[in-house]
């Protein structure tokens, strides 16, 4: 199982609606609107890196109001 944090920038005033919509996507375990350089932080999981990429590109990035994403896979050192 691969876990990742997805840092999201949104259009002004869209953070809450983006976080709420993303929370309903299968594979997303949490979605929070936050303050700072990013507007929403999402925790997601997938069976492998390819499925994680598909989740981000095909589902998360298609949510209206998102301007940029940064995916940070979790590593166990």
N, C-alpha and C. Protein backbone atom coordinates (compact mmCIF):
# COMPACT_ATOMS: atom_id res chain seq x y z
N UNK A 1 0.85 -1.17 0.00
CA UNK A 1 0.00 0.00 0.00
C UNK A 1 0.90 1.24 0.00
N UNK A 2 0.58 2.19 -0.85
CA UNK A 2 1.30 3.46 -0.95
C UNK A 2 0.41 4.56 -0.37
N UNK A 3 0.99 5.37 0.51
CA UNK A 3 0.29 6.51 1.10
C UNK A 3 0.97 7.78 0.62
N UNK A 4 0.20 8.86 0.51
CA UNK A 4 0.77 10.14 0.08
C UNK A 4 -0.05 11.29 0.63
N UNK A 5 0.62 12.42 0.77
CA UNK A 5 -0.06 13.68 1.05
C UNK A 5 -0.11 14.45 -0.26
N UNK A 6 -1.24 15.03 -0.56
CA UNK A 6 -1.40 15.84 -1.77
C UNK A 6 -1.68 17.27 -1.30
N UNK A 7 -0.76 18.17 -1.61
CA UNK A 7 -0.88 19.57 -1.24
C UNK A 7 -1.52 20.30 -2.40
N UNK A 8 -2.57 21.06 -2.12
CA UNK A 8 -3.39 21.63 -3.19
C UNK A 8 -3.53 23.14 -3.02
N UNK A 9 -3.34 23.85 -4.10
CA UNK A 9 -3.65 25.28 -4.17
C UNK A 9 -4.95 25.41 -4.95
N UNK A 10 -5.82 26.31 -4.48
CA UNK A 10 -7.12 26.49 -5.13
C UNK A 10 -7.32 27.94 -5.54
N UNK A 11 -8.35 28.16 -6.31
CA UNK A 11 -8.78 29.52 -6.60
C UNK A 11 -9.25 30.15 -5.29
N UNK A 12 -9.21 31.46 -5.21
CA UNK A 12 -9.63 32.18 -4.01
C UNK A 12 -11.07 31.82 -3.65
N UNK A 13 -11.27 31.47 -2.38
CA UNK A 13 -12.60 31.16 -1.90
C UNK A 13 -13.11 29.76 -2.20
N UNK A 14 -12.27 28.90 -2.78
CA UNK A 14 -12.73 27.56 -3.18
C UNK A 14 -12.21 26.44 -2.27
N UNK A 15 -11.40 26.74 -1.27
CA UNK A 15 -10.77 25.69 -0.47
C UNK A 15 -11.79 24.75 0.18
N UNK A 16 -12.81 25.30 0.80
CA UNK A 16 -13.79 24.45 1.51
C UNK A 16 -14.53 23.53 0.55
N UNK A 17 -14.96 24.05 -0.59
CA UNK A 17 -15.70 23.22 -1.54
C UNK A 17 -14.80 22.17 -2.18
N UNK A 18 -13.55 22.53 -2.46
CA UNK A 18 -12.60 21.56 -3.02
C UNK A 18 -12.34 20.44 -2.01
N UNK A 19 -12.08 20.80 -0.75
CA UNK A 19 -11.82 19.79 0.29
C UNK A 19 -13.01 18.86 0.45
N UNK A 20 -14.22 19.41 0.43
CA UNK A 20 -15.41 18.58 0.59
C UNK A 20 -15.60 17.62 -0.57
N UNK A 21 -15.39 18.11 -1.79
CA UNK A 21 -15.56 17.23 -2.96
C UNK A 21 -14.51 16.13 -2.99
N UNK A 22 -13.27 16.48 -2.67
CA UNK A 22 -12.19 15.49 -2.70
C UNK A 22 -12.40 14.43 -1.63
N UNK A 23 -12.99 14.80 -0.51
CA UNK A 23 -13.22 13.84 0.59
C UNK A 23 -14.06 12.65 0.13
N UNK A 24 -14.87 12.83 -0.89
CA UNK A 24 -15.72 11.74 -1.39
C UNK A 24 -15.08 10.85 -2.43
N UNK A 25 -13.85 11.12 -2.81
CA UNK A 25 -13.17 10.31 -3.82
C UNK A 25 -12.61 9.04 -3.18
N UNK A 26 -12.90 7.87 -3.76
CA UNK A 26 -12.33 6.62 -3.23
C UNK A 26 -10.81 6.67 -3.25
N UNK A 27 -10.19 6.26 -2.16
CA UNK A 27 -8.74 6.31 -2.03
C UNK A 27 -8.27 7.49 -1.19
N UNK A 28 -9.15 8.47 -0.98
CA UNK A 28 -8.82 9.62 -0.13
C UNK A 28 -9.23 9.26 1.29
N UNK A 29 -8.28 9.33 2.22
CA UNK A 29 -8.57 8.99 3.61
C UNK A 29 -8.87 10.22 4.47
N UNK A 30 -8.37 11.40 4.05
CA UNK A 30 -8.73 12.65 4.72
C UNK A 30 -8.50 13.81 3.78
N UNK A 31 -9.26 14.87 4.00
CA UNK A 31 -9.17 16.08 3.17
C UNK A 31 -9.51 17.27 4.06
N UNK A 32 -8.54 18.15 4.25
CA UNK A 32 -8.71 19.28 5.17
C UNK A 32 -8.35 20.58 4.47
N UNK A 33 -9.16 21.64 4.70
CA UNK A 33 -8.74 22.95 4.22
C UNK A 33 -7.89 23.58 5.32
N UNK A 34 -6.80 24.22 4.91
CA UNK A 34 -5.79 24.74 5.83
C UNK A 34 -5.40 26.16 5.41
N UNK A 35 -4.60 26.82 6.26
CA UNK A 35 -4.05 28.13 5.89
C UNK A 35 -2.58 27.94 5.55
N UNK A 36 -2.01 28.92 4.88
CA UNK A 36 -0.60 28.86 4.50
C UNK A 36 -0.45 28.83 3.00
N UNK A 37 0.68 28.36 2.50
CA UNK A 37 0.92 28.37 1.05
C UNK A 37 0.02 27.40 0.27
N UNK A 38 -0.55 26.41 0.96
CA UNK A 38 -1.49 25.50 0.33
C UNK A 38 -2.85 25.70 0.98
N UNK A 39 -3.90 25.38 0.25
CA UNK A 39 -5.26 25.61 0.72
C UNK A 39 -5.94 24.35 1.22
N UNK A 40 -5.53 23.20 0.69
CA UNK A 40 -6.12 21.91 1.07
C UNK A 40 -4.98 20.89 1.18
N UNK A 41 -5.03 20.05 2.20
CA UNK A 41 -4.09 18.94 2.32
C UNK A 41 -4.90 17.66 2.37
N UNK A 42 -4.53 16.72 1.50
CA UNK A 42 -5.25 15.46 1.36
C UNK A 42 -4.31 14.32 1.70
N UNK A 43 -4.81 13.32 2.39
CA UNK A 43 -4.06 12.08 2.57
C UNK A 43 -4.77 11.03 1.74
N UNK A 44 -3.99 10.31 0.94
CA UNK A 44 -4.56 9.31 0.03
C UNK A 44 -3.77 8.02 0.12
N UNK A 45 -4.41 6.94 -0.33
CA UNK A 45 -3.74 5.65 -0.38
C UNK A 45 -4.14 4.92 -1.65
N UNK A 46 -3.21 4.08 -2.11
CA UNK A 46 -3.45 3.28 -3.32
C UNK A 46 -2.62 2.01 -3.21
N UNK A 47 -2.95 1.04 -4.04
CA UNK A 47 -2.23 -0.24 -4.02
C UNK A 47 -0.77 -0.10 -4.45
N UNK A 48 -0.51 0.82 -5.41
CA UNK A 48 0.86 1.01 -5.91
C UNK A 48 1.00 2.44 -6.43
N UNK A 49 2.20 2.80 -6.83
CA UNK A 49 2.49 4.17 -7.29
C UNK A 49 1.69 4.50 -8.55
N UNK A 50 1.52 3.55 -9.45
CA UNK A 50 0.74 3.81 -10.67
C UNK A 50 -0.70 4.17 -10.33
N UNK A 51 -1.31 3.43 -9.43
CA UNK A 51 -2.69 3.73 -9.04
C UNK A 51 -2.78 5.07 -8.31
N UNK A 52 -1.75 5.40 -7.53
CA UNK A 52 -1.72 6.70 -6.87
C UNK A 52 -1.69 7.81 -7.91
N UNK A 53 -0.85 7.65 -8.92
CA UNK A 53 -0.79 8.64 -10.00
C UNK A 53 -2.11 8.78 -10.72
N UNK A 54 -2.78 7.67 -10.98
CA UNK A 54 -4.08 7.72 -11.64
C UNK A 54 -5.11 8.44 -10.76
N UNK A 55 -5.06 8.19 -9.45
CA UNK A 55 -5.97 8.87 -8.52
C UNK A 55 -5.77 10.38 -8.59
N UNK A 56 -4.52 10.81 -8.57
CA UNK A 56 -4.23 12.25 -8.57
C UNK A 56 -4.60 12.87 -9.91
N UNK A 57 -4.16 12.29 -11.00
CA UNK A 57 -4.36 12.90 -12.32
C UNK A 57 -5.82 12.78 -12.79
N UNK A 58 -6.41 11.61 -12.64
CA UNK A 58 -7.74 11.39 -13.20
C UNK A 58 -8.88 11.88 -12.30
N UNK A 59 -8.65 11.92 -10.99
CA UNK A 59 -9.76 12.26 -10.10
C UNK A 59 -9.52 13.57 -9.35
N UNK A 60 -8.43 13.66 -8.61
CA UNK A 60 -8.20 14.84 -7.79
C UNK A 60 -8.03 16.09 -8.66
N UNK A 61 -7.17 16.03 -9.66
CA UNK A 61 -6.91 17.22 -10.48
C UNK A 61 -8.10 17.65 -11.33
N UNK A 62 -9.11 16.83 -11.44
CA UNK A 62 -10.30 17.19 -12.19
C UNK A 62 -11.34 17.94 -11.36
N UNK A 63 -11.08 18.11 -10.08
CA UNK A 63 -12.01 18.85 -9.23
C UNK A 63 -11.92 20.34 -9.59
N UNK A 64 -13.07 20.94 -9.81
CA UNK A 64 -13.12 22.34 -10.20
C UNK A 64 -12.62 23.23 -9.07
N UNK A 65 -11.77 24.19 -9.40
CA UNK A 65 -11.25 25.15 -8.43
C UNK A 65 -9.80 24.90 -8.06
N UNK A 66 -9.24 23.77 -8.48
CA UNK A 66 -7.84 23.48 -8.17
C UNK A 66 -6.94 24.16 -9.21
N UNK A 67 -5.89 24.82 -8.72
CA UNK A 67 -4.94 25.46 -9.63
C UNK A 67 -3.61 24.71 -9.69
N UNK A 68 -3.24 24.00 -8.60
CA UNK A 68 -1.96 23.30 -8.59
C UNK A 68 -1.98 22.22 -7.52
N UNK A 69 -1.29 21.10 -7.79
CA UNK A 69 -1.14 20.03 -6.79
C UNK A 69 0.33 19.66 -6.66
N UNK A 70 0.68 19.16 -5.48
CA UNK A 70 2.02 18.62 -5.23
C UNK A 70 1.81 17.34 -4.45
N UNK A 71 2.22 16.21 -5.01
CA UNK A 71 2.03 14.90 -4.38
C UNK A 71 3.30 14.50 -3.66
N UNK A 72 3.18 14.16 -2.38
CA UNK A 72 4.31 13.80 -1.54
C UNK A 72 4.10 12.37 -1.00
N UNK A 73 4.67 11.36 -1.67
CA UNK A 73 4.52 9.99 -1.18
C UNK A 73 5.19 9.82 0.18
N UNK A 74 4.59 9.03 1.04
CA UNK A 74 5.15 8.73 2.35
C UNK A 74 6.22 7.67 2.18
N UNK A 75 7.38 7.87 2.82
CA UNK A 75 8.47 6.88 2.80
C UNK A 75 8.73 6.40 4.23
N UNK A 76 9.18 5.21 4.35
CA UNK A 76 9.52 4.65 5.65
C UNK A 76 11.02 4.42 5.67
N UNK A 77 11.74 5.25 6.38
CA UNK A 77 13.20 5.21 6.40
C UNK A 77 13.69 4.37 7.57
